[in-house]
Protein backbone atom coordinates (compact mmCIF):
# COMPACT_ATOMS: atom_id res chain seq x y z
CA MET A 1 11.25 -17.62 24.37
CA ALA A 2 7.51 -18.15 24.86
CA ARG A 3 5.08 -17.67 22.03
CA LYS A 4 2.55 -14.87 22.14
CA PRO A 5 -0.88 -16.32 22.94
CA LEU A 6 -3.50 -16.83 20.25
CA GLY A 7 -5.76 -13.79 20.35
CA THR A 8 -2.80 -11.39 20.55
CA LYS A 9 -3.63 -8.14 18.74
CA ALA A 10 -1.45 -5.86 16.64
CA SER A 11 -2.35 -2.69 14.75
CA THR A 12 -1.48 -1.65 11.22
CA GLY A 13 1.99 -0.09 11.20
CA SER A 14 3.28 -1.96 14.26
CA ARG A 15 5.79 -4.83 14.09
CA CYS A 16 4.35 -8.34 14.03
CA PRO A 17 5.00 -9.94 17.44
CA GLU A 18 4.56 -13.59 16.32
CA SER A 19 4.70 -15.44 12.98
CA GLY A 20 1.39 -16.96 12.03
CA VAL A 21 -1.98 -16.42 10.45
CA TRP A 22 -3.53 -13.11 11.40
CA GLN A 23 -7.18 -12.13 10.96
CA VAL A 24 -8.62 -8.64 10.64
CA GLU A 25 -10.68 -7.98 13.76
CA HIS A 26 -14.43 -8.29 13.04
CA ARG A 27 -13.73 -9.53 9.47
CA THR A 28 -13.04 -12.89 7.82
CA ALA A 29 -9.92 -11.67 5.99
CA THR A 30 -6.69 -13.43 7.00
CA ALA A 31 -3.02 -13.16 6.05
CA PRO A 32 0.18 -15.01 6.94
CA ILE A 33 2.53 -12.50 8.53
CA ALA A 34 6.07 -13.18 9.78
CA GLU A 35 7.42 -11.92 13.08
CA GLY A 36 9.12 -8.55 12.70
CA ASN A 37 7.24 -7.55 9.54
CA VAL A 38 5.11 -4.42 9.58
CA MET A 39 1.42 -5.18 10.06
CA PRO A 40 -0.32 -4.17 6.83
CA PRO A 41 -3.48 -2.16 6.23
CA TYR A 42 -6.62 -3.90 5.00
CA ASP A 43 -8.77 -2.40 2.26
CA GLN A 44 -6.47 0.65 2.42
CA LYS A 45 -7.42 1.27 6.06
CA ALA A 46 -5.61 0.89 9.37
CA VAL A 47 -7.00 -2.14 11.22
CA VAL A 48 -6.40 -4.35 14.24
CA TRP A 49 -5.07 -7.83 13.45
CA VAL A 50 -5.67 -10.85 15.71
CA LEU A 51 -3.36 -13.90 15.83
CA ILE A 52 -5.49 -16.98 15.08
CA GLN A 53 -2.90 -19.66 14.19
CA TYR A 54 0.82 -20.23 14.68
CA ALA A 55 3.11 -20.59 11.66
């Protein structure tokens, strides 16, 4: 199965489509998130996460 491309986006509450390092869009905050986990909020707010590095 092919990996999702770097730059893939996922919103808070959705399932993570690819294990790796995810960055909050327009922020410097990053988090390692595993495929299938629920994308978390940031600073208690719903955000868009961007895949920046594979696990």
